[in-house]
C-alpha atoms as a PDB file:
ATOM      1  CA  MET A   1      89.965 103.594 121.392  1.00  0.00           C
ATOM      2  CA  GLY A   2      89.721  99.925 122.155  1.00  0.00           C
ATOM      3  CA  GLU A   3      89.498  98.830 118.501  1.00  0.00           C
ATOM      4  CA  ASN A   4      93.071  99.847 117.706  1.00  0.00           C
ATOM      5  CA  ASN A   5      95.694  97.419 116.558  1.00  0.00           C
ATOM      6  CA  GLY A   6      99.346  98.400 116.115  1.00  0.00           C
ATOM      7  CA  THR A   7      98.921  99.581 112.529  1.00  0.00           C
ATOM      8  CA  ALA A   8      95.901 101.700 113.373  1.00  0.00           C
ATOM      9  CA  LYS A   9      97.732 103.352 116.268  1.00  0.00           C
ATOM     10  CA  VAL A  10     100.681 104.259 114.043  1.00  0.00           C
ATOM     11  CA  ILE A  11      98.293 105.669 111.413  1.00  0.00           C
ATOM     12  CA  CYS A  12      96.522 107.720 114.113  1.00  0.00           C
ATOM     13  CA  ILE A  13      99.857 109.203 115.200  1.00  0.00           C
ATOM     14  CA  LEU A  14     101.013 109.912 111.622  1.00  0.00           C
ATOM     15  CA  ASP A  15      97.722 111.674 110.833  1.00  0.00           C
ATOM     16  CA  TYR A  16      99.093 114.748 112.599  1.00  0.00           C
ATOM     17  CA  VAL A  17     102.264 114.985 110.487  1.00  0.00           C
ATOM     18  CA  GLY A  18     101.509 117.189 107.482  1.00  0.00           C
ATOM     19  CA  ILE A  19      99.986 115.486 104.481  1.00  0.00           C
ATOM     20  CA  LEU A  20     100.375 112.044 106.060  1.00  0.00           C
ATOM     21  CA  PHE A  21      96.732 112.320 107.163  1.00  0.00           C
ATOM     22  CA  LEU A  22      96.083 110.790 103.721  1.00  0.00           C
ATOM     23  CA  LEU A  23      97.307 107.440 105.049  1.00  0.00           C
ATOM     24  CA  GLY A  24      94.205 107.258 107.221  1.00  0.00           C
ATOM     25  CA  LEU A  25      92.033 107.458 104.119  1.00  0.00           C
ATOM     26  CA  PHE A  26      93.574 104.303 102.667  1.00  0.00           C
ATOM     27  CA  VAL A  27      94.918 102.209 105.570  1.00  0.00           C
ATOM     28  CA  GLU A  28      92.538 101.051 108.322  1.00  0.00           C
ATOM     29  CA  LYS A  29      89.908 103.304 106.742  1.00  0.00           C
ATOM     30  CA  ASP A  30      87.000 101.479 108.408  1.00  0.00           C
ATOM     31  CA  ASN A  31      88.360 101.995 111.929  1.00  0.00           C
ATOM     32  CA  PRO A  32      86.345 104.790 113.636  1.00  0.00           C
ATOM     33  CA  ASN A  33      89.363 105.891 115.667  1.00  0.00           C
ATOM     34  CA  VAL A  34      91.509 106.235 112.572  1.00  0.00           C
ATOM     35  CA  LYS A  35      88.711 108.234 110.949  1.00  0.00           C
ATOM     36  CA  PHE A  36      88.616 110.570 113.960  1.00  0.00           C
ATOM     37  CA  HIS A  37      92.363 111.254 113.928  1.00  0.00           C
ATOM     38  CA  THR A  38      92.431 111.506 110.124  1.00  0.00           C
ATOM     39  CA  ASN A  39      89.759 114.185 110.320  1.00  0.00           C
ATOM     40  CA  GLN A  40      91.730 116.046 112.997  1.00  0.00           C
ATOM     41  CA  GLY A  41      94.888 115.767 110.878  1.00  0.00           C
ATOM     42  CA  LEU A  42      93.046 117.146 107.846  1.00  0.00           C
ATOM     43  CA  ILE A  43      91.783 120.121 109.851  1.00  0.00           C
ATOM     44  CA  LEU A  44      95.322 120.758 111.115  1.00  0.00           C
ATOM     45  CA  PHE A  45      96.737 120.508 107.573  1.00  0.00           C
ATOM     46  CA  LEU A  46      94.177 123.048 106.310  1.00  0.00           C
ATOM     47  CA  LEU A  47      95.149 125.411 109.141  1.00  0.00           C
ATOM     48  CA  GLU A  48      98.802 125.105 108.088  1.00  0.00           C
ATOM     49  CA  ILE A  49      97.898 125.957 104.487  1.00  0.00           C
ATOM     50  CA  ILE A  50      95.831 128.970 105.540  1.00  0.00           C
ATOM     51  CA  LEU A  51      98.578 130.295 107.824  1.00  0.00           C
ATOM     52  CA  GLY A  52     101.151 129.832 105.043  1.00  0.00           C
ATOM     53  CA  ALA A  53      98.988 131.662 102.497  1.00  0.00           C
ATOM     54  CA  VAL A  54      98.368 134.583 104.850  1.00  0.00           C
ATOM     55  CA  GLY A  55     102.088 134.768 105.647  1.00  0.00           C
ATOM     56  CA  MET A  56     102.919 134.820 101.953  1.00  0.00           C
ATOM     57  CA  ILE A  57     100.401 137.584 101.279  1.00  0.00           C
ATOM     58  CA  LEU A  58     101.774 139.642 104.162  1.00  0.00           C
ATOM     59  CA  GLY A  59     105.278 139.215 102.763  1.00  0.00           C
ATOM     60  CA  PHE A  60     104.265 140.937  99.520  1.00  0.00           C
ATOM     61  CA  LEU A  61     102.983 144.097 101.212  1.00  0.00           C
ATOM     62  CA  PRO A  62     105.167 147.107 100.429  1.00  0.00           C
ATOM     63  CA  PHE A  63     107.407 148.617 103.111  1.00  0.00           C
ATOM     64  CA  ILE A  64     106.290 146.631 106.171  1.00  0.00           C
ATOM     65  CA  GLY A  65     105.526 143.306 104.496  1.00  0.00           C
ATOM     66  CA  GLY A  66     108.791 141.663 105.460  1.00  0.00           C
ATOM     67  CA  LEU A  67     108.385 142.648 109.102  1.00  0.00           C
ATOM     68  CA  LEU A  68     104.754 141.511 109.191  1.00  0.00           C
ATOM     69  CA  ALA A  69     105.691 138.192 107.602  1.00  0.00           C
ATOM     70  CA  LYS A  70     108.352 137.607 110.260  1.00  0.00           C
ATOM     71  CA  ILE A  71     105.918 138.431 113.065  1.00  0.00           C
ATOM     72  CA  TRP A  72     103.300 136.207 111.431  1.00  0.00           C
ATOM     73  CA  GLY A  73     105.884 133.413 111.441  1.00  0.00           C
ATOM     74  CA  ILE A  74     105.350 133.074 115.186  1.00  0.00           C
ATOM     75  CA  THR A  75     101.837 131.802 114.464  1.00  0.00           C
ATOM     76  CA  TYR A  76     103.409 128.669 112.967  1.00  0.00           C
ATOM     77  CA  LEU A  77     103.962 127.509 116.529  1.00  0.00           C
ATOM     78  CA  LEU A  78     100.203 126.988 116.847  1.00  0.00           C
ATOM     79  CA  PRO A  79      99.981 124.070 114.374  1.00  0.00           C
ATOM     80  CA  LEU A  80     103.093 122.560 115.937  1.00  0.00           C
ATOM     81  CA  ILE A  81     101.494 122.681 119.392  1.00  0.00           C
ATOM     82  CA  PHE A  82      98.247 121.212 118.003  1.00  0.00           C
ATOM     83  CA  ALA A  83     100.192 118.432 116.251  1.00  0.00           C
ATOM     84  CA  ILE A  84     101.984 117.529 119.480  1.00  0.00           C
ATOM     85  CA  LEU A  85      98.667 117.445 121.361  1.00  0.00           C
ATOM     86  CA  GLY A  86      97.108 115.257 118.670  1.00  0.00           C
ATOM     87  CA  ILE A  87     100.060 112.866 118.637  1.00  0.00           C
ATOM     88  CA  VAL A  88      99.952 112.552 122.424  1.00  0.00           C
ATOM     89  CA  ASN A  89      96.194 111.864 122.314  1.00  0.00           C
ATOM     90  CA  ALA A  90      96.623 109.250 119.571  1.00  0.00           C
ATOM     91  CA  ALA A  91      99.509 107.580 121.409  1.00  0.00           C
ATOM     92  CA  GLN A  92      97.375 107.395 124.572  1.00  0.00           C
ATOM     93  CA  ASP A  93      94.408 105.952 122.626  1.00  0.00           C
ATOM     94  CA  GLN A  94      92.243 109.021 123.270  1.00  0.00           C
ATOM     95  CA  CYS A  95      89.831 110.650 120.830  1.00  0.00           C
ATOM     96  CA  LYS A  96      89.967 114.249 122.031  1.00  0.00           C
ATOM     97  CA  PRO A  97      89.414 117.014 119.495  1.00  0.00           C
ATOM     98  CA  LEU A  98      92.176 119.558 119.026  1.00  0.00           C
ATOM     99  CA  PRO A  99      91.656 122.779 120.994  1.00  0.00           C
ATOM    100  CA  VAL A 100      89.749 125.533 119.164  1.00  0.00           C
ATOM    101  CA  ILE A 101      89.834 123.956 115.669  1.00  0.00           C
ATOM    102  CA  GLY A 102      89.108 120.281 116.377  1.00  0.00           C
ATOM    103  CA  GLY A 103      85.351 120.600 116.698  1.00  0.00           C
ATOM    104  CA  LEU A 104      84.782 122.998 113.801  1.00  0.00           C
ATOM    105  CA  PHE A 105      84.459 120.553 110.913  1.00  0.00           C
ATOM    106  CA  GLN A 106      83.892 116.892 110.271  1.00  0.00           C
ATOM    107  CA  PHE A 107      85.090 116.093 106.771  1.00  0.00           C
ATOM    108  CA  ILE A 108      85.481 112.345 107.199  1.00  0.00           C
ATOM    109  CA  LYS A 109      82.460 110.376 108.367  1.00  0.00           C
END
């Protein structure tokens, strides 16, 4: 990640914090390292949305929905772990894909 300046490094780190991946689409958008981490942040954000939607659906199930939703809540640790890994990689100037989900899609080219 030798092409990174200070701004690009901050953007790479922020890409893993929720919807802040959008910053990478507008700031330092021509930097290939920013593009990589923005793509990883987008994939992580989509995972968070999917997990939230499934948790909400489980919560509406009669009788056991509340219990299932609480158990499903444990799965929210997964995006948190992935975000920490991505932030560490960005801070160390490494372009490593996130485990399991990082190599599935490439939205930003």
